[in-house]
Amino acid sequence: AKQDLAVLDFTDLQMRVSELWDKRPEILAQYQSRIQHVLLDEFQDTDDLQMKILWPLADRGARRFVVGDVKQSIYRFRNADVTVFNRTRDRMTEADPRSLERLTVNFRSRPALIAFFNDLFSQDAVMGSERKQEYEAFYESLTSHRQVPEEQAVEFHFLVGDKDSTDES
Protein backbone atom coordinates (compact mmCIF):
# COMPACT_ATOMS: atom_id res chain seq x y z
CA ALA A 1 0.00 0.00 0.00
CA LYS A 2 2.88 2.37 0.79
CA GLN A 3 4.40 1.71 -2.60
CA ASP A 4 1.09 2.38 -4.35
CA LEU A 5 0.80 5.67 -2.49
CA ALA A 6 4.50 6.50 -2.98
CA VAL A 7 5.02 7.13 0.74
CA LEU A 8 7.60 6.09 3.30
CA ASP A 9 7.27 5.60 7.03
CA PHE A 10 9.97 6.18 9.64
CA THR A 11 11.38 2.65 9.37
CA ASP A 12 11.52 2.95 5.57
CA LEU A 13 13.52 6.17 5.90
CA GLN A 14 15.98 4.49 8.24
CA MET A 15 16.33 1.49 5.93
CA ARG A 16 16.99 3.80 2.98
CA VAL A 17 19.80 5.58 4.83
CA SER A 18 21.34 2.25 5.84
CA GLU A 19 21.17 1.07 2.24
CA LEU A 20 22.69 4.37 1.11
CA TRP A 21 25.71 3.86 3.38
CA ASP A 22 26.18 0.37 1.85
CA LYS A 23 25.63 1.29 -1.80
CA ARG A 24 27.23 4.74 -1.83
CA PRO A 25 30.13 4.79 0.65
CA GLU A 26 31.34 8.08 -0.83
CA ILE A 27 28.21 9.78 0.53
CA LEU A 28 28.86 8.32 3.98
CA ALA A 29 32.46 9.55 3.66
CA GLN A 30 31.21 13.09 2.95
CA TYR A 31 29.25 13.10 6.21
CA GLN A 32 32.10 11.48 8.13
CA SER A 33 34.49 14.21 6.97
CA ARG A 34 32.22 16.93 8.39
CA ILE A 35 31.44 15.33 11.74
CA GLN A 36 33.73 15.73 14.74
CA HIS A 37 31.44 14.54 17.53
CA VAL A 38 28.49 12.17 17.64
CA LEU A 39 26.19 12.36 20.67
CA LEU A 40 23.76 9.49 21.04
CA ASP A 41 21.33 10.29 23.85
CA GLU A 42 18.66 7.97 25.24
CA PHE A 43 20.78 5.18 23.79
CA GLN A 44 18.83 2.51 25.67
CA ASP A 45 16.07 2.99 23.09
CA THR A 46 18.30 2.24 20.08
CA ASP A 47 17.85 -0.70 17.75
CA ASP A 48 20.20 -2.48 15.33
CA LEU A 49 19.01 -0.49 12.32
CA GLN A 50 19.68 2.82 14.05
CA MET A 51 23.14 1.56 15.03
CA LYS A 52 23.85 0.76 11.37
CA ILE A 53 23.06 4.37 10.52
CA LEU A 54 24.64 6.25 13.43
CA TRP A 55 27.74 4.28 14.35
CA PRO A 56 29.52 4.62 10.98
CA LEU A 57 29.24 8.41 11.16
CA ALA A 58 32.10 8.41 13.67
CA ASP A 59 34.26 5.77 11.99
CA ARG A 60 36.79 8.29 10.67
CA GLY A 61 37.96 9.79 13.91
CA ALA A 62 34.90 11.57 15.27
CA ARG A 63 34.40 11.19 19.00
CA ARG A 64 31.38 9.22 20.17
CA PHE A 65 29.50 10.20 23.30
CA VAL A 66 26.79 7.73 24.30
CA VAL A 67 24.30 8.43 27.10
CA GLY A 68 21.65 6.05 28.34
CA ASP A 69 20.26 3.93 31.14
CA VAL A 70 19.35 0.39 30.18
CA LYS A 71 16.85 0.27 33.06
CA GLN A 72 14.83 2.98 31.32
CA SER A 73 14.38 1.21 27.99
CA ILE A 74 10.64 1.40 27.37
CA TYR A 75 10.30 1.49 23.58
CA ARG A 76 10.26 -2.23 22.72
CA PHE A 77 7.17 -1.53 20.58
CA ARG A 78 9.50 0.62 18.45
CA ASN A 79 12.18 -2.13 18.31
CA ALA A 80 14.38 -0.70 21.08
CA ASP A 81 16.80 -3.45 22.02
CA VAL A 82 18.73 -3.36 25.30
CA THR A 83 21.25 -5.84 23.88
CA VAL A 84 22.39 -3.05 21.53
CA PHE A 85 23.04 -0.88 24.59
CA ASN A 86 24.79 -3.64 26.55
CA ARG A 87 26.98 -4.77 23.63
CA THR A 88 27.96 -1.19 22.83
CA ARG A 89 28.80 -0.40 26.45
CA ASP A 90 30.92 -3.57 26.63
CA ARG A 91 32.71 -2.84 23.35
CA MET A 92 33.48 0.75 24.31
CA THR A 93 34.68 -0.24 27.80
CA GLU A 94 36.93 -2.98 26.40
CA ALA A 95 38.47 -0.49 23.97
CA ASP A 96 39.01 2.08 26.73
CA PRO A 97 38.10 1.20 30.34
CA ARG A 98 38.13 4.91 31.22
CA SER A 99 35.34 5.60 28.72
CA LEU A 100 32.57 4.41 31.05
CA GLU A 101 31.27 7.04 33.42
CA ARG A 102 28.56 5.80 35.74
CA LEU A 103 26.06 8.42 36.81
CA THR A 104 25.08 7.23 40.27
CA VAL A 105 24.32 10.45 42.14
CA ASN A 106 20.65 11.33 42.38
CA PHE A 107 19.98 15.06 42.71
CA ARG A 108 16.22 14.82 43.25
CA SER A 109 15.35 12.21 45.83
CA ARG A 110 15.87 12.21 49.57
CA PRO A 111 18.47 9.82 51.02
CA ALA A 112 15.85 7.64 52.75
CA LEU A 113 14.01 7.10 49.47
CA ILE A 114 17.26 6.28 47.65
CA ALA A 115 18.09 3.74 50.39
CA PHE A 116 14.68 2.10 49.96
CA PHE A 117 15.09 1.78 46.18
CA ASN A 118 18.67 0.57 46.48
CA ASP A 119 17.50 -2.21 48.79
CA LEU A 120 14.43 -3.10 46.72
CA PHE A 121 15.93 -3.13 43.23
CA SER A 122 19.20 -4.81 44.20
CA GLN A 123 17.25 -7.92 45.26
CA ASP A 124 17.69 -10.74 42.72
CA ALA A 125 13.94 -11.33 42.69
CA VAL A 126 13.40 -7.76 41.47
CA MET A 127 16.40 -6.76 39.37
CA GLY A 128 19.62 -7.78 41.07
CA SER A 129 22.93 -5.97 41.10
CA GLU A 130 24.88 -8.26 38.78
CA ARG A 131 24.52 -8.70 35.05
CA LYS A 132 23.16 -12.08 34.07
CA GLN A 133 22.19 -12.07 30.40
CA GLU A 134 22.92 -9.70 27.53
CA TYR A 135 19.26 -8.73 27.34
CA GLU A 136 18.91 -7.88 31.03
CA ALA A 137 19.42 -4.71 32.99
CA PHE A 138 20.89 -4.78 36.46
CA TYR A 139 20.61 -2.31 39.27
CA GLU A 140 23.48 -0.03 40.25
CA SER A 141 23.06 1.60 43.64
CA LEU A 142 22.60 5.34 43.83
CA THR A 143 23.66 7.92 46.34
CA SER A 144 21.64 10.98 47.20
CA HIS A 145 23.14 14.42 46.68
CA ARG A 146 20.53 16.02 48.92
CA GLN A 147 21.36 16.56 52.57
CA VAL A 148 18.05 16.64 54.41
CA PRO A 149 16.99 15.33 57.80
CA GLU A 150 16.05 11.65 57.66
CA GLU A 151 12.36 10.97 57.73
CA GLN A 152 10.01 8.21 56.71
CA ALA A 153 10.50 7.74 52.97
CA VAL A 154 7.98 5.10 52.02
CA GLU A 155 4.61 4.35 53.49
CA PHE A 156 2.54 1.28 52.64
CA HIS A 157 -1.25 1.16 52.85
CA PHE A 158 -2.85 -2.27 52.65
CA LEU A 159 -6.53 -2.67 51.86
CA VAL A 160 -8.22 -5.76 53.13
CA GLY A 161 -11.46 -7.10 51.74
CA ASP A 162 -13.29 -7.45 48.47
CA LYS A 163 -13.07 -4.39 46.26
CA ASP A 164 -16.76 -4.74 45.45
CA SER A 165 -17.75 -4.96 49.10
CA THR A 166 -20.10 -2.27 50.40
CA ASP A 167 -19.57 -3.34 54.00
CA GLU A 168 -18.53 -0.24 55.95
CA SER A 169 -17.73 -2.01 59.21
C-alpha atoms as a PDB file:
ATOM      1  CA  ALA A   1       0.000   0.000   0.000  1.00  0.00           C
ATOM      2  CA  LYS A   2       2.875   2.369   0.793  1.00  0.00           C
ATOM      3  CA  GLN A   3       4.401   1.713  -2.603  1.00  0.00           C
ATOM      4  CA  ASP A   4       1.086   2.378  -4.346  1.00  0.00           C
ATOM      5  CA  LEU A   5       0.800   5.675  -2.491  1.00  0.00           C
ATOM      6  CA  ALA A   6       4.501   6.497  -2.983  1.00  0.00           C
ATOM      7  CA  VAL A   7       5.021   7.127   0.740  1.00  0.00           C
ATOM      8  CA  LEU A   8       7.604   6.085   3.298  1.00  0.00           C
ATOM      9  CA  ASP A   9       7.269   5.598   7.029  1.00  0.00           C
ATOM     10  CA  PHE A  10       9.973   6.179   9.635  1.00  0.00           C
ATOM     11  CA  THR A  11      11.383   2.653   9.368  1.00  0.00           C
ATOM     12  CA  ASP A  12      11.519   2.950   5.566  1.00  0.00           C
ATOM     13  CA  LEU A  13      13.521   6.169   5.898  1.00  0.00           C
ATOM     14  CA  GLN A  14      15.980   4.493   8.240  1.00  0.00           C
ATOM     15  CA  MET A  15      16.328   1.491   5.927  1.00  0.00           C
ATOM     16  CA  ARG A  16      16.994   3.801   2.979  1.00  0.00           C
ATOM     17  CA  VAL A  17      19.802   5.576   4.832  1.00  0.00           C
ATOM     18  CA  SER A  18      21.339   2.253   5.842  1.00  0.00           C
ATOM     19  CA  GLU A  19      21.173   1.072   2.242  1.00  0.00           C
ATOM     20  CA  LEU A  20      22.687   4.369   1.111  1.00  0.00           C
ATOM     21  CA  TRP A  21      25.714   3.861   3.380  1.00  0.00           C
ATOM     22  CA  ASP A  22      26.183   0.374   1.850  1.00  0.00           C
ATOM     23  CA  LYS A  23      25.632   1.287  -1.800  1.00  0.00           C
ATOM     24  CA  ARG A  24      27.234   4.741  -1.834  1.00  0.00           C
ATOM     25  CA  PRO A  25      30.135   4.795   0.648  1.00  0.00           C
ATOM     26  CA  GLU A  26      31.338   8.076  -0.826  1.00  0.00           C
ATOM     27  CA  ILE A  27      28.207   9.777   0.527  1.00  0.00           C
ATOM     28  CA  LEU A  28      28.860   8.323   3.975  1.00  0.00           C
ATOM     29  CA  ALA A  29      32.463   9.555   3.660  1.00  0.00           C
ATOM     30  CA  GLN A  30      31.205  13.091   2.954  1.00  0.00           C
ATOM     31  CA  TYR A  31      29.245  13.097   6.207  1.00  0.00           C
ATOM     32  CA  GLN A  32      32.099  11.484   8.126  1.00  0.00           C
ATOM     33  CA  SER A  33      34.491  14.212   6.972  1.00  0.00           C
ATOM     34  CA  ARG A  34      32.223  16.932   8.395  1.00  0.00           C
ATOM     35  CA  ILE A  35      31.436  15.331  11.743  1.00  0.00           C
ATOM     36  CA  GLN A  36      33.732  15.734  14.736  1.00  0.00           C
ATOM     37  CA  HIS A  37      31.440  14.541  17.533  1.00  0.00           C
ATOM     38  CA  VAL A  38      28.486  12.168  17.637  1.00  0.00           C
ATOM     39  CA  LEU A  39      26.192  12.362  20.670  1.00  0.00           C
ATOM     40  CA  LEU A  40      23.763   9.485  21.039  1.00  0.00           C
ATOM     41  CA  ASP A  41      21.334  10.295  23.852  1.00  0.00           C
ATOM     42  CA  GLU A  42      18.658   7.967  25.240  1.00  0.00           C
ATOM     43  CA  PHE A  43      20.777   5.184  23.786  1.00  0.00           C
ATOM     44  CA  GLN A  44      18.829   2.507  25.669  1.00  0.00           C
ATOM     45  CA  ASP A  45      16.072   2.986  23.088  1.00  0.00           C
ATOM     46  CA  THR A  46      18.297   2.244  20.075  1.00  0.00           C
ATOM     47  CA  ASP A  47      17.846  -0.704  17.747  1.00  0.00           C
ATOM     48  CA  ASP A  48      20.197  -2.483  15.331  1.00  0.00           C
ATOM     49  CA  LEU A  49      19.015  -0.495  12.321  1.00  0.00           C
ATOM     50  CA  GLN A  50      19.680   2.824  14.049  1.00  0.00           C
ATOM     51  CA  MET A  51      23.138   1.559  15.030  1.00  0.00           C
ATOM     52  CA  LYS A  52      23.849   0.761  11.370  1.00  0.00           C
ATOM     53  CA  ILE A  53      23.056   4.373  10.525  1.00  0.00           C
ATOM     54  CA  LEU A  54      24.636   6.253  13.426  1.00  0.00           C
ATOM     55  CA  TRP A  55      27.741   4.280  14.351  1.00  0.00           C
ATOM     56  CA  PRO A  56      29.515   4.623  10.978  1.00  0.00           C
ATOM     57  CA  LEU A  57      29.239   8.410  11.164  1.00  0.00           C
ATOM     58  CA  ALA A  58      32.098   8.413  13.666  1.00  0.00           C
ATOM     59  CA  ASP A  59      34.261   5.767  11.990  1.00  0.00           C
ATOM     60  CA  ARG A  60      36.788   8.286  10.673  1.00  0.00           C
ATOM     61  CA  GLY A  61      37.960   9.791  13.910  1.00  0.00           C
ATOM     62  CA  ALA A  62      34.902  11.566  15.266  1.00  0.00           C
ATOM     63  CA  ARG A  63      34.397  11.189  18.996  1.00  0.00           C
ATOM     64  CA  ARG A  64      31.382   9.219  20.168  1.00  0.00           C
ATOM     65  CA  PHE A  65      29.498  10.197  23.296  1.00  0.00           C
ATOM     66  CA  VAL A  66      26.789   7.735  24.302  1.00  0.00           C
ATOM     67  CA  VAL A  67      24.296   8.426  27.104  1.00  0.00           C
ATOM     68  CA  GLY A  68      21.651   6.054  28.344  1.00  0.00           C
ATOM     69  CA  ASP A  69      20.257   3.931  31.137  1.00  0.00           C
ATOM     70  CA  VAL A  70      19.348   0.391  30.176  1.00  0.00           C
ATOM     71  CA  LYS A  71      16.850   0.271  33.059  1.00  0.00           C
ATOM     72  CA  GLN A  72      14.828   2.977  31.321  1.00  0.00           C
ATOM     73  CA  SER A  73      14.376   1.209  27.995  1.00  0.00           C
ATOM     74  CA  ILE A  74      10.643   1.397  27.366  1.00  0.00           C
ATOM     75  CA  TYR A  75      10.296   1.493  23.581  1.00  0.00           C
ATOM     76  CA  ARG A  76      10.258  -2.228  22.717  1.00  0.00           C
ATOM     77  CA  PHE A  77       7.175  -1.533  20.577  1.00  0.00           C
ATOM     78  CA  ARG A  78       9.505   0.617  18.451  1.00  0.00           C
ATOM     79  CA  ASN A  79      12.184  -2.127  18.313  1.00  0.00           C
ATOM     80  CA  ALA A  80      14.381  -0.695  21.077  1.00  0.00           C
ATOM     81  CA  ASP A  81      16.796  -3.451  22.020  1.00  0.00           C
ATOM     82  CA  VAL A  82      18.727  -3.362  25.298  1.00  0.00           C
ATOM     83  CA  THR A  83      21.246  -5.840  23.880  1.00  0.00           C
ATOM     84  CA  VAL A  84      22.386  -3.048  21.531  1.00  0.00           C
ATOM     85  CA  PHE A  85      23.036  -0.882  24.586  1.00  0.00           C
ATOM     86  CA  ASN A  86      24.791  -3.641  26.550  1.00  0.00           C
ATOM     87  CA  ARG A  87      26.981  -4.768  23.627  1.00  0.00           C
ATOM     88  CA  THR A  88      27.960  -1.186  22.827  1.00  0.00           C
ATOM     89  CA  ARG A  89      28.805  -0.402  26.449  1.00  0.00           C
ATOM     90  CA  ASP A  90      30.922  -3.572  26.629  1.00  0.00           C
ATOM     91  CA  ARG A  91      32.712  -2.836  23.354  1.00  0.00           C
ATOM     92  CA  MET A  92      33.480   0.751  24.309  1.00  0.00           C
ATOM     93  CA  THR A  93      34.680  -0.244  27.797  1.00  0.00           C
ATOM     94  CA  GLU A  94      36.927  -2.982  26.403  1.00  0.00           C
ATOM     95  CA  ALA A  95      38.473  -0.491  23.971  1.00  0.00           C
ATOM     96  CA  ASP A  96      39.011   2.082  26.732  1.00  0.00           C
ATOM     97  CA  PRO A  97      38.097   1.195  30.338  1.00  0.00           C
ATOM     98  CA  ARG A  98      38.128   4.910  31.220  1.00  0.00           C
ATOM     99  CA  SER A  99      35.344   5.597  28.722  1.00  0.00           C
ATOM    100  CA  LEU A 100      32.571   4.408  31.046  1.00  0.00           C
ATOM    101  CA  GLU A 101      31.269   7.044  33.417  1.00  0.00           C
ATOM    102  CA  ARG A 102      28.564   5.796  35.742  1.00  0.00           C
ATOM    103  CA  LEU A 103      26.058   8.420  36.811  1.00  0.00           C
ATOM    104  CA  THR A 104      25.078   7.228  40.273  1.00  0.00           C
ATOM    105  CA  VAL A 105      24.323  10.454  42.141  1.00  0.00           C
ATOM    106  CA  ASN A 106      20.652  11.331  42.381  1.00  0.00           C
ATOM    107  CA  PHE A 107      19.978  15.057  42.708  1.00  0.00           C
ATOM    108  CA  ARG A 108      16.217  14.823  43.251  1.00  0.00           C
ATOM    109  CA  SER A 109      15.352  12.212  45.833  1.00  0.00           C
ATOM    110  CA  ARG A 110      15.866  12.210  49.567  1.00  0.00           C
ATOM    111  CA  PRO A 111      18.467   9.825  51.025  1.00  0.00           C
ATOM    112  CA  ALA A 112      15.854   7.643  52.748  1.00  0.00           C
ATOM    113  CA  LEU A 113      14.007   7.096  49.471  1.00  0.00           C
ATOM    114  CA  ILE A 114      17.261   6.275  47.646  1.00  0.00           C
ATOM    115  CA  ALA A 115      18.095   3.738  50.392  1.00  0.00           C
ATOM    116  CA  PHE A 116      14.676   2.102  49.957  1.00  0.00           C
ATOM    117  CA  PHE A 117      15.094   1.780  46.180  1.00  0.00           C
ATOM    118  CA  ASN A 118      18.674   0.568  46.483  1.00  0.00           C
ATOM    119  CA  ASP A 119      17.502  -2.208  48.792  1.00  0.00           C
ATOM    120  CA  LEU A 120      14.428  -3.096  46.718  1.00  0.00           C
ATOM    121  CA  PHE A 121      15.930  -3.129  43.229  1.00  0.00           C
ATOM    122  CA  SER A 122      19.200  -4.814  44.198  1.00  0.00           C
ATOM    123  CA  GLN A 123      17.246  -7.921  45.256  1.00  0.00           C
ATOM    124  CA  ASP A 124      17.694 -10.737  42.724  1.00  0.00           C
ATOM    125  CA  ALA A 125      13.938 -11.330  42.690  1.00  0.00           C
ATOM    126  CA  VAL A 126      13.404  -7.761  41.470  1.00  0.00           C
ATOM    127  CA  MET A 127      16.399  -6.765  39.372  1.00  0.00           C
ATOM    128  CA  GLY A 128      19.625  -7.775  41.065  1.00  0.00           C
ATOM    129  CA  SER A 129      22.928  -5.969  41.105  1.00  0.00           C
ATOM    130  CA  GLU A 130      24.885  -8.264  38.782  1.00  0.00           C
ATOM    131  CA  ARG A 131      24.515  -8.697  35.054  1.00  0.00           C
ATOM    132  CA  LYS A 132      23.155 -12.084  34.070  1.00  0.00           C
ATOM    133  CA  GLN A 133      22.194 -12.072  30.404  1.00  0.00           C
ATOM    134  CA  GLU A 134      22.925  -9.702  27.531  1.00  0.00           C
ATOM    135  CA  TYR A 135      19.256  -8.728  27.337  1.00  0.00           C
ATOM    136  CA  GLU A 136      18.914  -7.877  31.029  1.00  0.00           C
ATOM    137  CA  ALA A 137      19.417  -4.714  32.991  1.00  0.00           C
ATOM    138  CA  PHE A 138      20.894  -4.776  36.456  1.00  0.00           C
ATOM    139  CA  TYR A 139      20.612  -2.307  39.275  1.00  0.00           C
ATOM    140  CA  GLU A 140      23.482  -0.030  40.251  1.00  0.00           C
ATOM    141  CA  SER A 141      23.063   1.595  43.644  1.00  0.00           C
ATOM    142  CA  LEU A 142      22.602   5.337  43.826  1.00  0.00           C
ATOM    143  CA  THR A 143      23.656   7.923  46.343  1.00  0.00           C
ATOM    144  CA  SER A 144      21.640  10.983  47.196  1.00  0.00           C
ATOM    145  CA  HIS A 145      23.143  14.422  46.682  1.00  0.00           C
ATOM    146  CA  ARG A 146      20.529  16.020  48.923  1.00  0.00           C
ATOM    147  CA  GLN A 147      21.356  16.562  52.567  1.00  0.00           C
ATOM    148  CA  VAL A 148      18.055  16.643  54.407  1.00  0.00           C
ATOM    149  CA  PRO A 149      16.988  15.334  57.800  1.00  0.00           C
ATOM    150  CA  GLU A 150      16.045  11.652  57.656  1.00  0.00           C
ATOM    151  CA  GLU A 151      12.355  10.971  57.725  1.00  0.00           C
ATOM    152  CA  GLN A 152      10.008   8.210  56.706  1.00  0.00           C
ATOM    153  CA  ALA A 153      10.501   7.744  52.971  1.00  0.00           C
ATOM    154  CA  VAL A 154       7.979   5.100  52.021  1.00  0.00           C
ATOM    155  CA  GLU A 155       4.608   4.355  53.490  1.00  0.00           C
ATOM    156  CA  PHE A 156       2.538   1.281  52.644  1.00  0.00           C
ATOM    157  CA  HIS A 157      -1.250   1.156  52.852  1.00  0.00           C
ATOM    158  CA  PHE A 158      -2.849  -2.268  52.646  1.00  0.00           C
ATOM    159  CA  LEU A 159      -6.532  -2.665  51.864  1.00  0.00           C
ATOM    160  CA  VAL A 160      -8.224  -5.761  53.134  1.00  0.00           C
ATOM    161  CA  GLY A 161     -11.457  -7.097  51.735  1.00  0.00           C
ATOM    162  CA  ASP A 162     -13.289  -7.452  48.469  1.00  0.00           C
ATOM    163  CA  LYS A 163     -13.069  -4.390  46.258  1.00  0.00           C
ATOM    164  CA  ASP A 164     -16.760  -4.740  45.445  1.00  0.00           C
ATOM    165  CA  SER A 165     -17.755  -4.957  49.098  1.00  0.00           C
ATOM    166  CA  THR A 166     -20.099  -2.274  50.400  1.00  0.00           C
ATOM    167  CA  ASP A 167     -19.573  -3.336  53.996  1.00  0.00           C
ATOM    168  CA  GLU A 168     -18.525  -0.237  55.948  1.00  0.00           C
ATOM    169  CA  SER A 169     -17.728  -2.006  59.208  1.00  0.00           C
END
